[in-house]
N, C-alpha and C. Protein backbone atom coordinates (compact mmCIF):
# COMPACT_ATOMS: atom_id res chain seq x y z
N MET A 1 -170.47 21.63 106.05
CA MET A 1 -169.98 21.78 107.39
C MET A 1 -169.42 23.19 107.56
N ASN A 2 -169.84 23.78 108.67
CA ASN A 2 -169.38 25.12 109.08
C ASN A 2 -168.17 25.02 109.95
N ARG A 3 -167.17 25.81 109.57
CA ARG A 3 -165.90 25.69 110.40
C ARG A 3 -165.83 26.91 111.29
N VAL A 4 -165.19 26.71 112.50
CA VAL A 4 -164.87 27.75 113.36
C VAL A 4 -163.80 28.61 112.78
N THR A 5 -164.00 29.94 112.67
CA THR A 5 -163.11 30.91 111.99
C THR A 5 -162.58 31.73 113.12
N LYS A 6 -163.17 31.89 114.30
CA LYS A 6 -162.75 32.75 115.37
C LYS A 6 -163.16 32.16 116.75
N VAL A 7 -162.25 32.18 117.66
CA VAL A 7 -162.59 31.70 118.99
C VAL A 7 -162.08 32.66 120.01
N ASN A 8 -162.80 32.90 121.06
CA ASN A 8 -162.31 33.79 122.09
C ASN A 8 -162.87 33.08 123.46
N PRO A 9 -161.93 32.70 124.34
CA PRO A 9 -162.28 32.09 125.63
C PRO A 9 -162.83 33.26 126.52
N LEU A 10 -163.95 32.87 127.19
CA LEU A 10 -164.48 33.76 128.13
C LEU A 10 -164.39 33.18 129.52
N GLU A 11 -164.97 33.87 130.54
CA GLU A 11 -164.97 33.44 131.90
C GLU A 11 -165.96 32.17 132.08
N GLU A 12 -165.66 31.44 133.05
CA GLU A 12 -166.57 30.26 133.47
C GLU A 12 -166.75 29.36 132.46
N TYR A 13 -165.64 29.06 131.65
CA TYR A 13 -165.66 27.93 130.65
C TYR A 13 -166.62 28.21 129.49
N LYS A 14 -166.83 29.41 129.18
CA LYS A 14 -167.67 29.82 128.02
C LYS A 14 -166.63 30.15 126.85
N ILE A 15 -167.11 30.05 125.60
CA ILE A 15 -166.26 30.46 124.51
C ILE A 15 -167.14 31.32 123.53
N TYR A 16 -166.69 32.27 122.85
CA TYR A 16 -167.31 33.01 121.88
C TYR A 16 -166.79 32.46 120.58
N LEU A 17 -167.69 32.14 119.70
CA LEU A 17 -167.26 31.51 118.39
C LEU A 17 -167.91 32.35 117.19
N GLU A 18 -167.07 32.25 116.16
CA GLU A 18 -167.64 32.82 114.80
C GLU A 18 -167.43 31.58 113.78
N PHE A 19 -168.40 31.39 112.92
CA PHE A 19 -168.28 30.33 111.94
C PHE A 19 -168.21 30.81 110.60
N SER A 20 -167.76 29.96 109.65
CA SER A 20 -167.60 30.28 108.29
C SER A 20 -168.81 30.90 107.59
N ASP A 21 -170.02 30.58 108.07
CA ASP A 21 -171.26 31.08 107.39
C ASP A 21 -171.62 32.44 108.03
N GLY A 22 -170.87 32.95 109.02
CA GLY A 22 -171.15 34.20 109.73
C GLY A 22 -171.86 34.14 110.93
N THR A 23 -172.35 32.86 111.28
CA THR A 23 -173.06 32.66 112.60
C THR A 23 -172.10 32.94 113.75
N THR A 24 -172.61 33.53 114.78
CA THR A 24 -171.79 33.72 115.97
C THR A 24 -172.59 33.10 117.18
N GLY A 25 -171.86 32.97 118.21
CA GLY A 25 -172.60 32.44 119.42
C GLY A 25 -171.60 32.22 120.56
N ILE A 26 -172.14 32.09 121.76
CA ILE A 26 -171.47 31.76 122.96
C ILE A 26 -171.85 30.32 123.38
N VAL A 27 -170.87 29.56 123.62
CA VAL A 27 -171.15 28.16 124.06
C VAL A 27 -170.59 28.06 125.50
N ASP A 28 -171.37 27.41 126.31
CA ASP A 28 -171.02 27.13 127.71
C ASP A 28 -170.53 25.74 127.83
N LEU A 29 -169.21 25.58 128.07
CA LEU A 29 -168.63 24.20 128.17
C LEU A 29 -168.37 23.74 129.57
N SER A 30 -168.83 24.50 130.58
CA SER A 30 -168.59 24.25 131.93
C SER A 30 -169.04 22.84 132.45
N GLU A 31 -170.05 22.22 131.87
CA GLU A 31 -170.37 20.95 132.29
C GLU A 31 -169.39 19.91 131.88
N TYR A 32 -168.53 20.12 130.93
CA TYR A 32 -167.44 19.22 130.53
C TYR A 32 -166.09 19.38 131.29
N ALA A 33 -165.96 20.56 131.97
CA ALA A 33 -164.80 20.81 132.61
C ALA A 33 -164.41 19.70 133.75
N GLY A 34 -163.23 19.26 133.70
CA GLY A 34 -162.79 18.18 134.75
C GLY A 34 -163.15 16.79 134.37
N LYS A 35 -163.92 16.55 133.30
CA LYS A 35 -164.43 15.27 132.96
C LYS A 35 -163.62 14.72 131.77
N GLY A 36 -163.23 13.41 131.84
CA GLY A 36 -162.56 12.68 130.81
C GLY A 36 -161.40 13.45 130.18
N VAL A 37 -161.33 13.52 128.84
CA VAL A 37 -160.18 14.27 128.26
C VAL A 37 -160.27 15.78 128.56
N PHE A 38 -161.26 16.32 129.06
CA PHE A 38 -161.44 17.73 129.52
C PHE A 38 -160.98 17.93 130.94
N SER A 39 -160.39 16.94 131.50
CA SER A 39 -159.75 17.20 132.84
C SER A 39 -158.50 18.09 132.67
N VAL A 40 -157.99 18.31 131.49
CA VAL A 40 -156.86 19.28 131.23
C VAL A 40 -157.31 20.63 131.60
N TRP A 41 -158.73 20.95 131.55
CA TRP A 41 -159.17 22.19 131.95
C TRP A 41 -159.16 22.50 133.49
N ASN A 42 -158.77 21.48 134.24
CA ASN A 42 -158.61 21.66 135.65
C ASN A 42 -157.76 22.97 135.87
N GLU A 43 -156.83 23.19 135.04
CA GLU A 43 -156.05 24.30 135.10
C GLU A 43 -156.61 25.29 134.09
N TYR A 44 -157.30 26.38 134.59
CA TYR A 44 -158.04 27.17 133.76
C TYR A 44 -157.17 27.86 132.60
N SER A 45 -155.86 27.96 132.96
CA SER A 45 -154.98 28.55 131.89
C SER A 45 -154.97 27.71 130.66
N VAL A 46 -155.08 26.35 130.81
CA VAL A 46 -155.13 25.49 129.69
C VAL A 46 -156.48 25.68 128.78
N PHE A 47 -157.57 25.91 129.46
CA PHE A 47 -158.73 26.22 128.75
C PHE A 47 -158.60 27.49 127.88
N ASN A 48 -157.93 28.48 128.45
CA ASN A 48 -157.72 29.73 127.72
C ASN A 48 -156.72 29.56 126.54
N GLN A 49 -155.97 28.44 126.31
CA GLN A 49 -155.08 28.13 125.32
C GLN A 49 -155.75 27.59 124.10
N VAL A 50 -157.06 27.60 123.94
CA VAL A 50 -157.78 27.06 122.89
C VAL A 50 -157.35 27.63 121.63
N ARG A 51 -157.29 26.77 120.56
CA ARG A 51 -156.94 27.13 119.21
C ARG A 51 -157.72 26.45 118.16
N ILE A 52 -157.78 26.99 116.91
CA ILE A 52 -158.52 26.36 115.87
C ILE A 52 -157.71 25.36 115.00
N GLY A 53 -158.09 24.20 114.86
CA GLY A 53 -157.43 23.17 114.06
C GLY A 53 -157.69 23.33 112.56
N SER A 54 -156.94 22.45 111.82
CA SER A 54 -157.00 22.55 110.38
C SER A 54 -158.39 22.25 109.78
N SER A 55 -159.28 21.53 110.55
CA SER A 55 -160.61 21.18 110.09
C SER A 55 -161.67 22.06 110.64
N GLY A 56 -161.33 23.21 111.29
CA GLY A 56 -162.18 24.10 112.02
C GLY A 56 -162.69 23.68 113.32
N GLU A 57 -162.11 22.61 113.87
CA GLU A 57 -162.36 22.23 115.20
C GLU A 57 -161.64 23.04 116.26
N LEU A 58 -162.02 22.97 117.54
CA LEU A 58 -161.27 23.48 118.62
C LEU A 58 -160.35 22.59 119.28
N ILE A 59 -159.12 22.93 119.50
CA ILE A 59 -158.14 22.07 120.04
C ILE A 59 -157.52 22.66 121.37
N TRP A 60 -157.29 21.83 122.32
CA TRP A 60 -156.51 22.15 123.58
C TRP A 60 -155.44 21.20 123.69
N GLY A 61 -154.23 21.68 123.38
CA GLY A 61 -153.03 20.83 123.49
C GLY A 61 -153.10 19.66 122.48
N ASP A 62 -152.70 18.46 122.83
CA ASP A 62 -152.82 17.34 121.98
C ASP A 62 -153.76 16.24 122.61
N THR A 63 -154.59 16.66 123.54
CA THR A 63 -155.41 15.67 124.26
C THR A 63 -156.92 15.96 124.15
N ALA A 64 -157.39 17.17 123.90
CA ALA A 64 -158.82 17.46 123.84
C ALA A 64 -159.13 18.26 122.59
N ASP A 65 -160.30 17.89 121.91
CA ASP A 65 -160.79 18.75 120.82
C ASP A 65 -162.28 18.67 120.75
N LEU A 66 -162.89 19.60 120.11
CA LEU A 66 -164.40 19.52 119.88
C LEU A 66 -164.68 19.79 118.39
N CYS A 67 -165.60 18.97 117.86
CA CYS A 67 -166.00 19.07 116.42
C CYS A 67 -166.76 20.37 116.13
N PRO A 68 -166.47 20.91 114.99
CA PRO A 68 -167.21 22.15 114.67
C PRO A 68 -168.66 21.97 114.45
N ASP A 69 -169.12 20.79 113.97
CA ASP A 69 -170.55 20.65 113.86
C ASP A 69 -171.33 20.62 115.20
N VAL A 70 -170.70 20.04 116.24
CA VAL A 70 -171.24 19.98 117.50
C VAL A 70 -171.30 21.41 118.07
N LEU A 71 -170.22 22.11 118.00
CA LEU A 71 -170.14 23.49 118.43
C LEU A 71 -171.10 24.40 117.74
N TYR A 72 -171.34 24.19 116.44
CA TYR A 72 -172.33 24.98 115.74
C TYR A 72 -173.70 24.68 116.25
N GLY A 73 -174.03 23.45 116.53
CA GLY A 73 -175.31 23.12 117.05
C GLY A 73 -175.42 23.77 118.45
N PHE A 74 -174.41 23.62 119.30
CA PHE A 74 -174.58 24.29 120.63
C PHE A 74 -174.77 25.88 120.52
N SER A 75 -174.12 26.53 119.54
CA SER A 75 -174.18 27.96 119.40
C SER A 75 -175.47 28.47 118.77
N THR A 76 -176.26 27.58 118.10
CA THR A 76 -177.39 28.05 117.36
C THR A 76 -178.66 27.51 118.03
N VAL A 77 -178.58 26.85 119.11
CA VAL A 77 -179.81 26.35 119.86
C VAL A 77 -180.61 27.49 120.34
N LYS A 78 -181.87 27.46 119.97
CA LYS A 78 -182.73 28.63 120.53
C LYS A 78 -183.24 28.25 121.91
N ARG A 79 -183.09 29.21 122.81
CA ARG A 79 -183.47 28.95 124.27
C ARG A 79 -184.52 29.93 124.62
N GLU A 80 -185.38 29.50 125.64
CA GLU A 80 -186.26 30.45 126.23
C GLU A 80 -185.52 31.44 127.03
N PRO A 81 -186.02 32.72 127.19
CA PRO A 81 -185.20 33.70 127.97
C PRO A 81 -184.87 33.28 129.35
N ASN A 82 -185.62 32.51 129.98
CA ASN A 82 -185.35 32.04 131.36
C ASN A 82 -184.26 30.91 131.40
N GLN A 83 -183.85 30.39 130.24
CA GLN A 83 -182.74 29.38 130.16
C GLN A 83 -181.45 29.88 129.67
N LEU A 84 -181.39 31.14 129.52
CA LEU A 84 -180.14 31.75 129.07
C LEU A 84 -179.15 31.87 130.24
N ASN A 85 -177.85 31.60 130.06
CA ASN A 85 -176.92 31.70 131.05
C ASN A 85 -176.25 32.99 130.97
C-alpha cells in the first residue's frame, strides 16, 4: 500500500499528492463536495484543513476521510489530453 506523504489543497477542490513510492499527482475531488460526509466541504476553509492520518489517508476533521489506495488510483489514472482538467 502506498501512503500519502504530502498533501497540498488547491483551488476548485483539487489536491496535490505525493506518495511513499515517489508518485505525485493532482486529484479532482469536486464531484464529492457537498455530498454525504463531504458536505463538511460546503465551507471551503474546511477542505483546506486536510491532513494526513496515521495510515496515510487524508482526513478532514473527524467526519471525512479518503483511503490512500483510492487516492493513488485517482492520481495515476492515464487520461487522454482532452480529458484533463
